[in-house]
N, C-alpha and C. Protein backbone atom coordinates (compact mmCIF):
# COMPACT_ATOMS: atom_id res chain seq x y z
N UNK A 1 97.38 124.76 87.94
CA UNK A 1 96.97 123.43 88.32
C UNK A 1 95.59 123.55 88.94
N UNK A 2 94.73 122.67 88.53
CA UNK A 2 93.38 122.63 89.06
C UNK A 2 93.26 121.38 89.93
N UNK A 3 92.93 121.56 91.22
CA UNK A 3 92.86 120.46 92.15
C UNK A 3 91.48 119.84 92.16
N UNK A 4 91.43 118.51 92.18
CA UNK A 4 90.17 117.77 92.26
C UNK A 4 90.36 116.59 93.20
N UNK A 5 89.29 115.91 93.50
CA UNK A 5 89.40 114.66 94.25
C UNK A 5 89.32 113.52 93.26
N UNK A 6 89.63 112.33 93.73
CA UNK A 6 89.65 111.19 92.82
C UNK A 6 88.27 110.86 92.26
N UNK A 7 87.23 111.05 93.05
CA UNK A 7 85.89 110.65 92.63
C UNK A 7 85.05 111.79 92.08
N UNK A 8 85.54 113.01 92.13
CA UNK A 8 84.72 114.14 91.66
C UNK A 8 84.77 114.24 90.14
N UNK A 9 83.69 114.77 89.55
CA UNK A 9 83.73 114.99 88.09
C UNK A 9 84.77 116.07 87.78
N UNK A 10 85.42 115.91 86.67
CA UNK A 10 86.48 116.85 86.34
C UNK A 10 85.96 117.94 85.42
N UNK A 11 86.12 119.17 85.88
CA UNK A 11 85.75 120.33 85.09
C UNK A 11 87.02 121.07 84.76
N UNK A 12 87.21 121.34 83.51
CA UNK A 12 88.42 122.03 83.09
C UNK A 12 88.08 123.44 82.66
N UNK A 13 88.91 124.36 83.12
CA UNK A 13 88.75 125.76 82.76
C UNK A 13 89.98 126.14 81.95
N UNK A 14 89.76 126.69 80.76
CA UNK A 14 90.88 127.14 79.95
C UNK A 14 91.30 128.52 80.42
N UNK A 15 92.58 128.66 80.70
CA UNK A 15 93.13 129.93 81.16
C UNK A 15 94.12 130.41 80.11
N UNK A 16 94.01 131.68 79.78
CA UNK A 16 94.93 132.24 78.80
C UNK A 16 95.49 133.56 79.31
N UNK A 17 96.66 133.90 78.78
CA UNK A 17 97.30 135.16 79.11
C UNK A 17 97.93 135.70 77.84
N UNK A 18 97.64 136.93 77.52
CA UNK A 18 98.13 137.58 76.30
C UNK A 18 97.76 136.74 75.07
N UNK A 19 96.53 136.31 75.02
CA UNK A 19 96.00 135.49 73.94
C UNK A 19 96.74 134.17 73.72
N UNK A 20 97.41 133.69 74.76
CA UNK A 20 98.08 132.40 74.68
C UNK A 20 97.51 131.49 75.77
N UNK A 21 97.19 130.29 75.38
CA UNK A 21 96.61 129.32 76.30
C UNK A 21 97.69 128.79 77.25
N UNK A 22 97.38 128.80 78.55
CA UNK A 22 98.29 128.26 79.55
C UNK A 22 97.95 126.79 79.73
N UNK A 23 98.94 125.94 79.54
CA UNK A 23 98.70 124.50 79.60
C UNK A 23 98.51 124.05 81.04
N UNK A 24 97.68 123.04 81.19
CA UNK A 24 97.40 122.49 82.51
C UNK A 24 98.52 121.55 82.92
N UNK A 25 98.89 121.63 84.19
CA UNK A 25 99.89 120.73 84.74
C UNK A 25 99.19 119.68 85.58
N UNK A 26 99.60 118.43 85.43
CA UNK A 26 99.01 117.36 86.23
C UNK A 26 99.74 117.21 87.56
N UNK A 27 100.98 117.66 87.60
CA UNK A 27 101.72 117.63 88.86
C UNK A 27 102.75 118.76 88.85
N UNK A 28 103.18 119.17 90.05
CA UNK A 28 104.14 120.24 90.17
C UNK A 28 104.89 120.11 91.49
N UNK A 29 106.01 120.79 91.59
CA UNK A 29 106.78 120.83 92.83
C UNK A 29 106.58 122.21 93.44
N UNK A 30 106.11 122.26 94.67
CA UNK A 30 105.84 123.52 95.34
C UNK A 30 106.46 123.47 96.74
N UNK A 31 107.44 124.34 97.00
CA UNK A 31 108.14 124.39 98.27
C UNK A 31 108.73 123.04 98.67
N UNK A 32 109.24 122.31 97.68
CA UNK A 32 109.89 121.04 97.95
C UNK A 32 108.95 119.86 98.06
N UNK A 33 107.66 120.08 97.91
CA UNK A 33 106.67 119.01 98.00
C UNK A 33 106.05 118.83 96.62
N UNK A 34 106.02 117.59 96.17
CA UNK A 34 105.44 117.28 94.87
C UNK A 34 103.94 117.06 95.03
N UNK A 35 103.17 117.79 94.26
CA UNK A 35 101.71 117.69 94.30
C UNK A 35 101.18 117.27 92.95
N UNK A 36 100.10 116.49 92.97
CA UNK A 36 99.41 116.21 91.72
C UNK A 36 98.01 116.80 91.83
N UNK A 37 97.25 116.71 90.77
CA UNK A 37 95.94 117.38 90.73
C UNK A 37 94.94 116.79 91.71
N UNK A 38 95.19 115.56 92.21
CA UNK A 38 94.28 114.97 93.20
C UNK A 38 94.84 115.08 94.62
N UNK A 39 95.90 115.82 94.78
CA UNK A 39 96.56 116.04 96.07
C UNK A 39 96.89 114.71 96.75
N UNK A 40 97.49 113.80 96.00
CA UNK A 40 97.91 112.50 96.52
C UNK A 40 99.42 112.56 96.79
N UNK A 41 99.92 111.65 97.60
CA UNK A 41 101.32 111.62 97.98
C UNK A 41 102.16 110.72 97.09
N UNK A 42 101.58 110.03 96.14
CA UNK A 42 102.29 109.04 95.35
C UNK A 42 103.50 109.64 94.62
N UNK A 43 103.34 110.74 93.94
CA UNK A 43 104.43 111.35 93.17
C UNK A 43 105.52 111.83 94.13
N UNK A 44 105.14 112.41 95.25
CA UNK A 44 106.12 112.90 96.22
C UNK A 44 106.95 111.74 96.76
N UNK A 45 106.31 110.64 97.09
CA UNK A 45 107.02 109.47 97.61
C UNK A 45 107.97 108.91 96.56
N UNK A 46 107.52 108.85 95.32
CA UNK A 46 108.39 108.35 94.24
C UNK A 46 109.62 109.24 94.06
N UNK A 47 109.44 110.54 94.20
CA UNK A 47 110.55 111.47 93.99
C UNK A 47 111.57 111.43 95.12
N UNK A 48 111.13 111.24 96.35
CA UNK A 48 112.08 111.30 97.46
C UNK A 48 112.66 109.94 97.83
N UNK A 49 112.17 108.86 97.25
CA UNK A 49 112.67 107.52 97.58
C UNK A 49 114.17 107.41 97.31
N UNK A 50 114.64 107.89 96.17
CA UNK A 50 116.08 107.81 95.85
C UNK A 50 116.91 108.63 96.83
N UNK A 51 116.42 109.82 97.19
CA UNK A 51 117.15 110.66 98.13
C UNK A 51 117.24 109.99 99.50
N UNK A 52 116.14 109.40 99.94
CA UNK A 52 116.14 108.72 101.24
C UNK A 52 117.04 107.49 101.22
N UNK A 53 117.06 106.79 100.10
CA UNK A 53 117.92 105.62 99.97
C UNK A 53 119.39 106.02 100.06
N UNK A 54 119.75 107.09 99.40
CA UNK A 54 121.14 107.58 99.46
C UNK A 54 121.49 108.03 100.87
N UNK A 55 120.56 108.67 101.55
CA UNK A 55 120.81 109.12 102.93
C UNK A 55 120.99 107.92 103.85
N UNK A 56 120.19 106.87 103.67
CA UNK A 56 120.33 105.66 104.49
C UNK A 56 121.68 105.00 104.26
N UNK A 57 122.13 104.97 103.01
CA UNK A 57 123.43 104.40 102.70
C UNK A 57 124.54 105.20 103.38
N UNK A 58 124.43 106.53 103.34
CA UNK A 58 125.45 107.37 103.96
C UNK A 58 125.50 107.14 105.47
N UNK A 59 124.34 107.05 106.11
CA UNK A 59 124.30 106.81 107.54
C UNK A 59 124.89 105.44 107.87
N UNK A 60 124.54 104.44 107.07
CA UNK A 60 125.05 103.10 107.29
C UNK A 60 126.56 103.05 107.13
N UNK A 61 127.10 103.70 106.10
CA UNK A 61 128.54 103.66 105.89
C UNK A 61 129.28 104.44 106.96
N UNK A 62 128.73 105.55 107.42
CA UNK A 62 129.36 106.30 108.50
C UNK A 62 129.36 105.47 109.78
N UNK A 63 128.25 104.78 110.02
CA UNK A 63 128.15 103.94 111.21
C UNK A 63 129.19 102.82 111.15
N UNK A 64 129.36 102.21 109.98
CA UNK A 64 130.35 101.15 109.84
C UNK A 64 131.76 101.67 110.06
N UNK A 65 132.06 102.85 109.57
CA UNK A 65 133.38 103.44 109.79
C UNK A 65 133.60 103.72 111.27
N UNK A 66 132.57 104.19 111.94
CA UNK A 66 132.69 104.47 113.37
C UNK A 66 132.96 103.18 114.14
N UNK A 67 132.26 102.11 113.79
CA UNK A 67 132.48 100.82 114.44
C UNK A 67 133.89 100.32 114.15
N UNK A 68 134.33 100.45 112.91
CA UNK A 68 135.68 100.01 112.55
C UNK A 68 136.73 100.74 113.38
N UNK A 69 136.64 102.08 113.40
CA UNK A 69 137.65 102.84 114.13
C UNK A 69 137.54 102.64 115.64
N UNK A 70 136.35 102.44 116.16
CA UNK A 70 136.18 102.26 117.60
C UNK A 70 136.66 100.88 118.06
N UNK A 71 136.40 99.86 117.30
CA UNK A 71 136.72 98.49 117.74
C UNK A 71 138.00 97.96 117.11
N UNK A 72 138.03 97.83 115.83
CA UNK A 72 139.13 97.13 115.15
C UNK A 72 140.40 97.98 115.08
N UNK A 73 140.28 99.19 114.58
CA UNK A 73 141.44 100.04 114.32
C UNK A 73 142.21 100.35 115.61
N UNK A 74 141.50 100.67 116.67
CA UNK A 74 142.17 101.01 117.93
C UNK A 74 142.92 99.80 118.48
N UNK A 75 142.33 98.62 118.41
CA UNK A 75 142.99 97.41 118.90
C UNK A 75 144.22 97.10 118.07
N UNK A 76 144.08 97.18 116.76
CA UNK A 76 145.20 96.85 115.87
C UNK A 76 146.34 97.85 116.04
N UNK A 77 146.04 99.13 116.15
CA UNK A 77 147.11 100.11 116.35
C UNK A 77 147.84 99.87 117.66
N UNK A 78 147.09 99.57 118.69
CA UNK A 78 147.68 99.30 120.00
C UNK A 78 148.58 98.06 119.93
N UNK A 79 148.10 97.01 119.29
CA UNK A 79 148.88 95.77 119.16
C UNK A 79 150.09 95.97 118.27
N UNK A 80 149.96 96.74 117.22
CA UNK A 80 151.08 96.95 116.30
C UNK A 80 152.23 97.70 116.96
N UNK A 81 151.91 98.59 117.86
CA UNK A 81 152.97 99.30 118.57
C UNK A 81 153.83 98.31 119.34
N UNK A 82 153.17 97.43 120.06
CA UNK A 82 153.93 96.45 120.84
C UNK A 82 154.60 95.41 119.95
N UNK A 83 153.98 95.06 118.85
CA UNK A 83 154.59 94.10 117.90
C UNK A 83 155.87 94.70 117.32
N UNK A 84 155.84 95.97 116.99
CA UNK A 84 157.02 96.63 116.44
C UNK A 84 158.14 96.69 117.49
N UNK A 85 157.79 97.03 118.73
CA UNK A 85 158.79 97.07 119.79
C UNK A 85 159.37 95.68 120.03
N UNK A 86 158.52 94.68 120.02
CA UNK A 86 158.97 93.32 120.24
C UNK A 86 159.93 92.85 119.15
N UNK A 87 159.61 93.14 117.90
CA UNK A 87 160.49 92.71 116.80
C UNK A 87 161.81 93.48 116.82
N UNK A 88 161.80 94.74 117.21
CA UNK A 88 163.03 95.51 117.30
C UNK A 88 163.94 94.98 118.41
N UNK A 89 163.33 94.63 119.54
CA UNK A 89 164.10 94.09 120.66
C UNK A 89 164.65 92.71 120.32
N UNK A 90 163.92 91.96 119.58
CA UNK A 90 164.33 90.60 119.21
C UNK A 90 165.51 90.63 118.25
N UNK A 91 165.53 91.65 117.36
CA UNK A 91 166.59 91.75 116.37
C UNK A 91 167.88 92.34 116.95
N UNK A 92 167.81 92.92 118.12
CA UNK A 92 169.01 93.55 118.69
C UNK A 92 169.92 92.56 119.32
């Protein structure tokens, strides 16, 4: 990959190995970061958007479960115990 700036003239150098031309890459992934030839963040942001969206969904759903179990589930279980005792005593 040959790095340039957006406004600089582009000079291309042909590189070969064992009489075979190595093709130029316009973008690549290096150590988990997506780079393009102008060292811009656009490709990296596009690639990680889906991962971040999935992570946000997971955090949101875990938070909702925590709220459910902390507020609703505990109250309902507590009330159901007494409701069951009350109905058993009433039927006796």
